[in-house]
Structure formats: C-alpha cells, structure tokens
C-alpha cells in the first residue's frame, strides 16, 4: 500500500490544535509554549511525519541553503576548509551549494548570480577576485575567509603573528639566508601579514633575507613547474648557504620538499622548510613538514556561527542591520615537524 503523506490537517486533528498553530510550530516555534511544542513534536513521531522541504520553501521562502565560492581545490587549504564547512551541517542544519571559481572574476560573478537565483540565505566567500563592496551589495549575509573584507564580515588568521612565528623558527635554526615565497598581494589581503611578519623579523635581527613575490600558477602542474624553476634559482644563488624557506602554504611547501628530496635522495642539512595552513598534506608528507597552523576547524565554525547569526536576524519581522562588519581573528599555532630542528 502507498504510504499516506501526513498533512498539517492530520497533525492538527491529532493534537486538537489549529492548522495555524501547527504552521507556527514549523516556522516560528518560539511563539508556542514549550509544552505545546512538545505535544506537536510527539505527534510528529506518532504519525511518522516526514517534512516536505519543497512545500516549506514555497511557504516561507527560506531554503536553508548557503552558497560557497572557493578559488580552487588543488591547494590543500581550500579542499580542507571546504570539508570543514560542509561538516558544520550537523551543528547548524544549513546545506551548501558550492562553486569553484578558478580565479576567474567573470566566472565567479556568474556563479554568485546563480546562487542568488536559488534563493540562498547567505554566502561564504574564499575567492579573491570580487571586491567585498560588490559582495555586500548582494543584500544577504556574507562572511569571507582569508581575503579582502572591507565591507563584509570575515574570519581570518592572525597572519602577521603567523609570519613572525615561521620566520623566528627559521632564525632559530641558524639558517644563513631566509627566503619567503608568496604572491604579490595587496596589503588589504590578510595573507599580506605573512610578508610583513617575515620582513619585520629579518630587519629586527639584521638577517640576510630574500622576499620572492610571484604568481606560481593556477593548477598543480603550473605550480610544480614554477617551484621547480624557483628551486633551481635558489640552488644556483645560494649553493654554500643553509637556506631557511618559508612557503606561503603547505601545498607549495610540499612541492618544494619533494623537489629537494628528489635531488638529494633525502632531506639535506642545507635546507629548512616551513609552510602555512596545517592542512593534511603537511603531516602526511614523506617528511612531515613544519607549518603555521591556522586552526581551520575553528575558522570554519566561527564563519558559520557569524553567518547564522546574520541569517537568523534576517528572519525577524524587523531585522536590525549590523552597524559595521564583524571581523574575527584566529590565533595561529606554530607546529614544529621534521623539516626544522
């Protein structure tokens, strides 16, 4: 026999409440007493009620969907952060629509319009291409992670502290030359703090250092070739020096480590390496890599808490807008592994 779909009328008849009261239970439960909420909850179990999500969306216009736009999946930081954001479903009950922008501004702009067409309730943006002023103009809650955030709420690592931690560790490893490899990024991007932290420690201690700012590529293959050429240049430029290299993320640090091991059949004393992220690749590398941990699980949860707070406010009859964007800063944790002493 076909299973009967339980309706609001069935629940109302079972509980002796009106259909309006049943509707309030689903759409505004706090308007009912705890006793009446429990009576309806017990009835749903007794009747084996299964909610019609589509009908609920049509009724109240709330989809319980959040949009995520990330730059790529080949950098382990982004794939791990995506995993952690998706895992917040159990805690917050929001589902996700995910787009990978591949650092293409027009593509990402089109993806955002697609997300808005699906009536998402909020967005988490990790991609860098679209200015936060344009994101804020979408007129729905937005939280950004590790990108320019002048007009949006955000959750970021204390990148300056992370840069200081990484550089100080290489300094304590008695390296002859310290090298930091990063992209040529704007001071408005949080990761710029890694560059500033590196330079400040080098200048404070009068250390021989080199800052290499360059775009390493948009795919794993492009990045591998760029880091290979960079490794060859460093080898030629500093053949007799102990080199302490601070890479901007763990994926790049792992590629460099593999190139070094491939050439020397092991990890030589002439190199020290530290990455940034504490994504799984840093601990799973053939030689576990020192890194600056961004506490990514905490970042993901803080981002969702900040977004949910805004989305719940939007559901009120008279929502109160935030007076200014909220910016949360997460303290990094230095993790010493085998690529430093």
Protein backbone atom coordinates (compact mmCIF):
# COMPACT_ATOMS: atom_id res chain seq x y z
CA UNK A 1 0.00 0.00 0.00
CA UNK A 2 1.17 3.53 -0.73
CA UNK A 3 2.28 5.38 2.37
CA UNK A 4 -0.07 8.28 3.26
CA UNK A 5 1.51 11.74 3.27
CA UNK A 6 0.82 13.35 6.65
CA UNK A 7 -0.51 16.89 6.29
CA UNK A 8 -0.87 19.82 8.66
CA UNK A 9 -4.58 18.95 8.86
CA UNK A 10 -3.72 15.45 10.11
CA UNK A 11 -1.38 16.86 12.76
CA UNK A 12 -3.97 19.45 13.80
CA UNK A 13 -6.67 16.78 14.14
CA UNK A 14 -4.34 14.53 16.17
CA UNK A 15 -3.29 17.30 18.59
CA UNK A 16 -6.56 19.30 18.66
CA UNK A 17 -4.58 22.38 17.64
CA UNK A 18 -5.45 24.62 14.69
CA UNK A 19 -3.55 24.39 11.41
CA UNK A 20 -2.26 27.89 12.13
CA UNK A 21 -0.68 26.64 15.37
CA UNK A 22 0.91 23.74 13.52
CA UNK A 23 2.30 26.15 10.93
CA UNK A 24 3.74 28.32 13.72
CA UNK A 25 5.50 25.26 15.14
CA UNK A 26 7.42 24.82 11.86
CA UNK A 27 8.03 28.46 11.02
CA UNK A 28 8.24 30.22 14.40
CA UNK A 29 8.39 27.61 17.18
CA UNK A 30 9.39 30.14 19.83
CA UNK A 31 5.89 31.65 19.54
CA UNK A 32 4.50 28.47 21.19
CA UNK A 33 4.89 27.33 24.76
CA UNK A 34 7.41 24.57 25.40
CA UNK A 35 4.53 22.31 26.43
CA UNK A 36 2.73 22.80 23.12
CA UNK A 37 5.96 22.38 21.17
CA UNK A 38 6.48 19.04 22.88
CA UNK A 39 2.89 17.91 22.14
CA UNK A 40 3.36 18.62 18.45
CA UNK A 41 6.82 17.00 18.40
CA UNK A 42 5.35 13.85 19.98
CA UNK A 43 2.57 13.84 17.39
CA UNK A 44 5.08 14.02 14.54
CA UNK A 45 6.77 10.90 15.88
CA UNK A 46 3.47 9.07 16.39
CA UNK A 47 2.26 9.94 12.90
CA UNK A 48 5.66 9.19 11.30
CA UNK A 49 5.64 12.64 9.73
CA UNK A 50 8.19 13.42 7.02
CA UNK A 51 8.56 17.10 6.23
CA UNK A 52 8.03 18.24 2.64
CA UNK A 53 11.04 20.53 2.22
CA UNK A 54 9.86 21.90 -1.12
CA UNK A 55 6.49 22.88 0.32
CA UNK A 56 8.18 24.59 3.24
CA UNK A 57 10.46 26.59 0.92
CA UNK A 58 7.44 27.70 -1.12
CA UNK A 59 5.59 28.65 2.06
CA UNK A 60 8.23 30.76 3.79
CA UNK A 61 10.80 31.46 1.08
CA UNK A 62 13.63 30.08 3.24
CA UNK A 63 15.77 27.42 1.55
CA UNK A 64 18.26 26.74 4.38
CA UNK A 65 20.97 26.81 1.69
CA UNK A 66 24.29 28.62 1.95
CA UNK A 67 26.47 29.35 -1.09
CA UNK A 68 30.23 28.79 -1.03
CA UNK A 69 32.66 30.11 -3.64
CA UNK A 70 36.27 28.91 -3.42
CA UNK A 71 39.16 29.68 -5.78
CA UNK A 72 40.31 26.10 -6.45
CA UNK A 73 40.62 22.61 -4.97
CA UNK A 74 44.25 21.84 -5.82
CA UNK A 75 45.55 23.88 -2.87
CA UNK A 76 45.02 21.63 0.13
CA UNK A 77 43.96 24.57 2.29
CA UNK A 78 40.82 25.16 0.23
CA UNK A 79 39.83 21.49 -0.05
CA UNK A 80 40.26 21.04 3.71
CA UNK A 81 38.36 24.23 4.51
CA UNK A 82 35.52 23.10 2.25
CA UNK A 83 35.37 19.75 4.07
CA UNK A 84 35.18 21.53 7.42
CA UNK A 85 32.47 23.95 6.27
CA UNK A 86 30.35 21.10 4.91
CA UNK A 87 30.78 19.27 8.22
CA UNK A 88 29.00 22.11 10.06
CA UNK A 89 25.66 20.81 8.74
CA UNK A 90 25.25 18.66 11.86
CA UNK A 91 25.64 21.69 14.12
CA UNK A 92 23.70 24.33 12.17
CA UNK A 93 21.39 22.47 9.78
CA UNK A 94 22.29 24.54 6.71
CA UNK A 95 23.04 22.84 3.40
CA UNK A 96 25.52 24.10 0.82
CA UNK A 97 25.80 24.90 -2.87
CA UNK A 98 29.47 25.04 -3.87
CA UNK A 99 31.16 26.66 -6.86
CA UNK A 100 34.87 26.62 -7.73
CA UNK A 101 35.80 29.89 -9.40
CA UNK A 102 39.35 29.09 -10.62
CA UNK A 103 40.32 32.73 -10.00
CA UNK A 104 38.17 33.96 -12.89
CA UNK A 105 36.31 37.13 -11.95
CA UNK A 106 33.53 36.88 -14.54
CA UNK A 107 33.02 33.19 -13.86
CA UNK A 108 32.71 33.82 -10.13
CA UNK A 109 30.33 36.72 -10.72
CA UNK A 110 28.14 34.42 -12.80
CA UNK A 111 28.28 31.75 -10.09
CA UNK A 112 27.14 34.24 -7.47
CA UNK A 113 24.17 35.22 -9.62
CA UNK A 114 23.35 31.52 -9.96
CA UNK A 115 23.46 31.13 -6.19
CA UNK A 116 21.18 34.12 -5.70
CA UNK A 117 18.71 32.61 -8.16
CA UNK A 118 18.50 29.56 -5.87
CA UNK A 119 17.38 31.86 -3.04
CA UNK A 120 20.31 31.04 -0.79
CA UNK A 121 20.16 32.61 2.66
CA UNK A 122 23.84 33.55 2.90
CA UNK A 123 27.28 33.15 1.33
CA UNK A 124 30.78 32.18 2.44
CA UNK A 125 33.40 33.50 0.04
CA UNK A 126 37.04 32.39 -0.04
CA UNK A 127 37.81 33.56 -3.59
CA UNK A 128 39.68 36.83 -4.03
CA UNK A 129 38.54 38.17 -7.37
CA UNK A 130 35.41 40.18 -6.45
CA UNK A 131 35.70 43.17 -4.13
CA UNK A 132 33.87 42.97 -0.81
CA UNK A 133 31.85 46.10 -1.68
CA UNK A 134 30.24 44.21 -4.57
CA UNK A 135 29.64 41.18 -2.35
CA UNK A 136 27.96 43.35 0.29
CA UNK A 137 25.67 44.77 -2.41
CA UNK A 138 24.11 41.29 -2.88
CA UNK A 139 21.88 42.22 0.07
CA UNK A 140 22.20 38.99 2.01
CA UNK A 141 24.54 37.87 4.79
CA UNK A 142 28.12 37.28 3.61
CA UNK A 143 31.15 36.04 5.51
CA UNK A 144 34.58 35.96 3.87
CA UNK A 145 37.58 33.87 4.89
CA UNK A 146 41.20 34.96 4.33
CA UNK A 147 40.52 37.60 1.70
CA UNK A 148 39.90 41.35 1.41
CA UNK A 149 36.99 42.13 3.76
CA UNK A 150 36.47 45.87 3.99
CA UNK A 151 32.68 45.70 3.53
CA UNK A 152 31.85 42.18 4.72
CA UNK A 153 32.06 40.19 7.93
CA UNK A 154 35.08 37.90 7.99
CA UNK A 155 37.09 35.28 9.83
CA UNK A 156 40.85 35.36 9.32
CA UNK A 157 44.02 34.02 10.86
CA UNK A 158 46.37 36.45 12.55
CA UNK A 159 48.66 36.23 9.54
CA UNK A 160 51.20 38.70 10.91
CA UNK A 161 51.71 36.57 14.01
CA UNK A 162 52.00 33.50 11.78
CA UNK A 163 54.66 35.22 9.67
CA UNK A 164 56.59 36.12 12.81
CA UNK A 165 56.33 32.55 14.14
CA UNK A 166 57.54 30.98 10.88
CA UNK A 167 60.44 33.39 10.39
CA UNK A 168 61.54 33.19 14.02
CA UNK A 169 61.68 29.40 13.83
CA UNK A 170 63.92 29.53 10.74
CA UNK A 171 66.10 32.12 12.51
CA UNK A 172 66.48 29.77 15.50
CA UNK A 173 67.53 27.02 13.06
CA UNK A 174 70.67 29.09 12.34
CA UNK A 175 69.97 29.50 8.63
CA UNK A 176 72.38 31.65 6.63
CA UNK A 177 69.69 33.06 4.34
CA UNK A 178 65.93 33.31 4.94
CA UNK A 179 63.60 33.25 1.93
CA UNK A 180 59.86 33.86 1.86
CA UNK A 181 57.88 32.92 -1.25
CA UNK A 182 54.44 34.45 -1.67
CA UNK A 183 52.18 36.05 -4.26
CA UNK A 184 52.41 39.78 -4.93
CA UNK A 185 49.28 40.54 -2.93
CA UNK A 186 47.61 43.73 -1.75
CA UNK A 187 48.08 44.91 1.84
CA UNK A 188 44.27 44.63 2.11
CA UNK A 189 44.51 40.84 1.84
CA UNK A 190 45.03 39.20 5.26
CA UNK A 191 47.85 36.96 3.95
CA UNK A 192 49.92 40.12 3.42
CA UNK A 193 50.58 39.90 7.14
CA UNK A 194 52.82 36.87 6.49
CA UNK A 195 55.03 39.05 4.29
CA UNK A 196 55.15 41.85 6.85
CA UNK A 197 55.93 39.45 9.70
CA UNK A 198 58.78 37.93 7.69
CA UNK A 199 60.29 41.32 6.85
CA UNK A 200 59.99 42.68 10.38
CA UNK A 201 61.81 39.73 11.97
CA UNK A 202 64.54 39.79 9.31
CA UNK A 203 65.08 43.52 9.78
CA UNK A 204 64.93 43.36 13.57
CA UNK A 205 67.70 40.75 13.68
CA UNK A 206 69.61 42.08 10.64
CA UNK A 207 69.22 38.75 8.83
CA UNK A 208 70.25 38.07 5.26
CA UNK A 209 66.96 37.52 3.51
CA UNK A 210 65.14 37.49 0.20
CA UNK A 211 61.45 38.09 -0.46
CA UNK A 212 60.19 36.42 -3.64
CA UNK A 213 56.76 37.66 -4.73
CA UNK A 214 55.49 35.80 -7.78
CA UNK A 215 52.42 34.07 -9.13
CA UNK A 216 53.14 30.34 -9.12
CA UNK A 217 50.18 29.20 -11.24
CA UNK A 218 46.51 28.23 -11.16
CA UNK A 219 46.91 24.45 -11.45
CA UNK A 220 49.06 21.84 -9.77
CA UNK A 221 51.09 21.34 -12.97
CA UNK A 222 51.74 25.06 -13.43
CA UNK A 223 52.68 25.43 -9.77
CA UNK A 224 55.04 22.45 -9.86
CA UNK A 225 56.91 23.87 -12.84
CA UNK A 226 57.15 27.33 -11.26
CA UNK A 227 58.50 25.96 -7.97
CA UNK A 228 60.95 23.73 -9.85
CA UNK A 229 62.41 26.78 -11.61
CA UNK A 230 62.44 28.67 -8.32
CA UNK A 231 64.30 25.81 -6.63
CA UNK A 232 66.91 25.80 -9.38
CA UNK A 233 67.43 29.56 -8.96
CA UNK A 234 67.83 29.24 -5.19
CA UNK A 235 70.30 26.37 -5.64
CA UNK A 236 72.40 28.44 -8.06
CA UNK A 237 72.22 31.64 -6.00
CA UNK A 238 72.98 30.20 -2.56
CA UNK A 239 74.99 26.97 -3.15
CA UNK A 240 77.01 27.05 0.07
CA UNK A 241 74.45 28.52 2.47
CA UNK A 242 71.95 26.94 4.84
CA UNK A 243 68.64 28.04 3.40
CA UNK A 244 65.52 28.61 5.51
CA UNK A 245 62.50 28.78 3.22
CA UNK A 246 59.07 30.00 4.36
CA UNK A 247 56.47 28.98 1.77
CA UNK A 248 53.07 30.69 1.76
CA UNK A 249 51.09 27.45 2.10
CA UNK A 250 51.57 23.74 2.77
CA UNK A 251 50.89 22.66 -0.82
CA UNK A 252 53.79 24.77 -2.09
CA UNK A 253 55.99 23.64 0.80
CA UNK A 254 55.28 20.00 -0.07
CA UNK A 255 56.17 20.52 -3.74
CA UNK A 256 59.46 22.15 -2.75
CA UNK A 257 60.20 19.36 -0.27
CA UNK A 258 59.63 16.72 -2.96
CA UNK A 259 61.99 18.51 -5.37
CA UNK A 260 64.71 18.70 -2.71
CA UNK A 261 64.35 15.03 -1.75
CA UNK A 262 64.33 14.00 -5.41
CA UNK A 263 67.65 15.78 -5.99
CA UNK A 264 69.44 14.86 -2.75
CA UNK A 265 67.83 11.44 -2.11
CA UNK A 266 66.87 12.74 1.32
CA UNK A 267 66.42 15.98 3.24
CA UNK A 268 69.84 17.70 3.46
CA UNK A 269 71.09 19.83 6.32
CA UNK A 270 71.39 22.76 3.89
CA UNK A 271 67.61 23.28 3.89
CA UNK A 272 64.93 24.13 6.42
CA UNK A 273 61.31 24.48 5.31
CA UNK A 274 58.13 25.74 6.91
CA UNK A 275 54.69 26.05 5.33
CA UNK A 276 51.44 27.71 6.38
CA UNK A 277 47.98 26.14 6.96
CA UNK A 278 48.44 22.81 8.75
CA UNK A 279 46.40 21.19 6.00
CA UNK A 280 46.66 17.35 6.00
CA UNK A 281 49.43 17.33 3.37
CA UNK A 282 51.88 18.86 5.87
CA UNK A 283 51.68 15.91 8.25
CA UNK A 284 51.24 13.25 5.56
CA UNK A 285 54.31 14.29 3.51
CA UNK A 286 57.16 11.79 3.20
CA UNK A 287 58.92 14.03 5.75
CA UNK A 288 56.32 15.74 7.97
CA UNK A 289 56.60 19.47 7.35
CA UNK A 290 56.75 22.25 9.92
CA UNK A 291 53.91 24.70 9.46
CA UNK A 292 51.89 27.52 10.96
CA UNK A 293 48.53 26.01 11.87
CA UNK A 294 45.54 28.18 11.03
CA UNK A 295 43.13 26.26 13.30
CA UNK A 296 40.95 25.65 10.25
CA UNK A 297 38.24 23.77 12.13
CA UNK A 298 37.79 26.78 14.41
CA UNK A 299 37.75 29.16 11.42
CA UNK A 300 35.04 27.11 9.68
CA UNK A 301 32.86 27.01 12.79
CA UNK A 302 33.35 30.71 13.57
CA UNK A 303 32.46 31.58 9.96
CA UNK A 304 29.23 29.57 10.14
CA UNK A 305 28.33 31.00 13.56
CA UNK A 306 28.85 34.52 12.23
CA UNK A 307 26.80 33.76 9.11
CA UNK A 308 23.98 32.00 11.00
CA UNK A 309 23.74 34.93 13.40
CA UNK A 310 23.14 37.26 10.45
CA UNK A 311 20.74 34.87 8.69
CA UNK A 312 18.64 34.39 11.84
CA UNK A 313 18.43 38.16 12.23
CA UNK A 314 17.14 38.43 8.66
CA UNK A 315 14.24 36.10 9.52
CA UNK A 316 12.84 38.53 12.09
CA UNK A 317 9.95 40.81 11.18
CA UNK A 318 12.12 43.88 11.75
CA UNK A 319 15.75 42.80 11.37
CA UNK A 320 18.42 45.07 12.82
CA UNK A 321 21.33 45.56 10.42
CA UNK A 322 24.87 45.31 11.73
CA UNK A 323 26.32 48.77 12.43
CA UNK A 324 29.63 47.62 10.90
CA UNK A 325 31.15 44.39 9.58
CA UNK A 326 32.42 41.99 12.25
CA UNK A 327 35.99 40.76 11.78
CA UNK A 328 37.14 37.78 13.84
CA UNK A 329 40.84 36.97 14.13
CA UNK A 330 42.02 33.45 14.99
CA UNK A 331 45.40 32.93 16.63
CA UNK A 332 47.78 30.65 14.66
CA UNK A 333 49.70 27.77 16.25
CA UNK A 334 53.31 27.02 15.34
CA UNK A 335 53.76 23.31 14.60
CA UNK A 336 57.34 22.02 14.57
CA UNK A 337 57.97 18.89 12.50
CA UNK A 338 60.89 17.25 10.72
CA UNK A 339 61.78 20.00 8.22
CA UNK A 340 63.06 22.26 11.02
CA UNK A 341 65.20 21.41 14.04
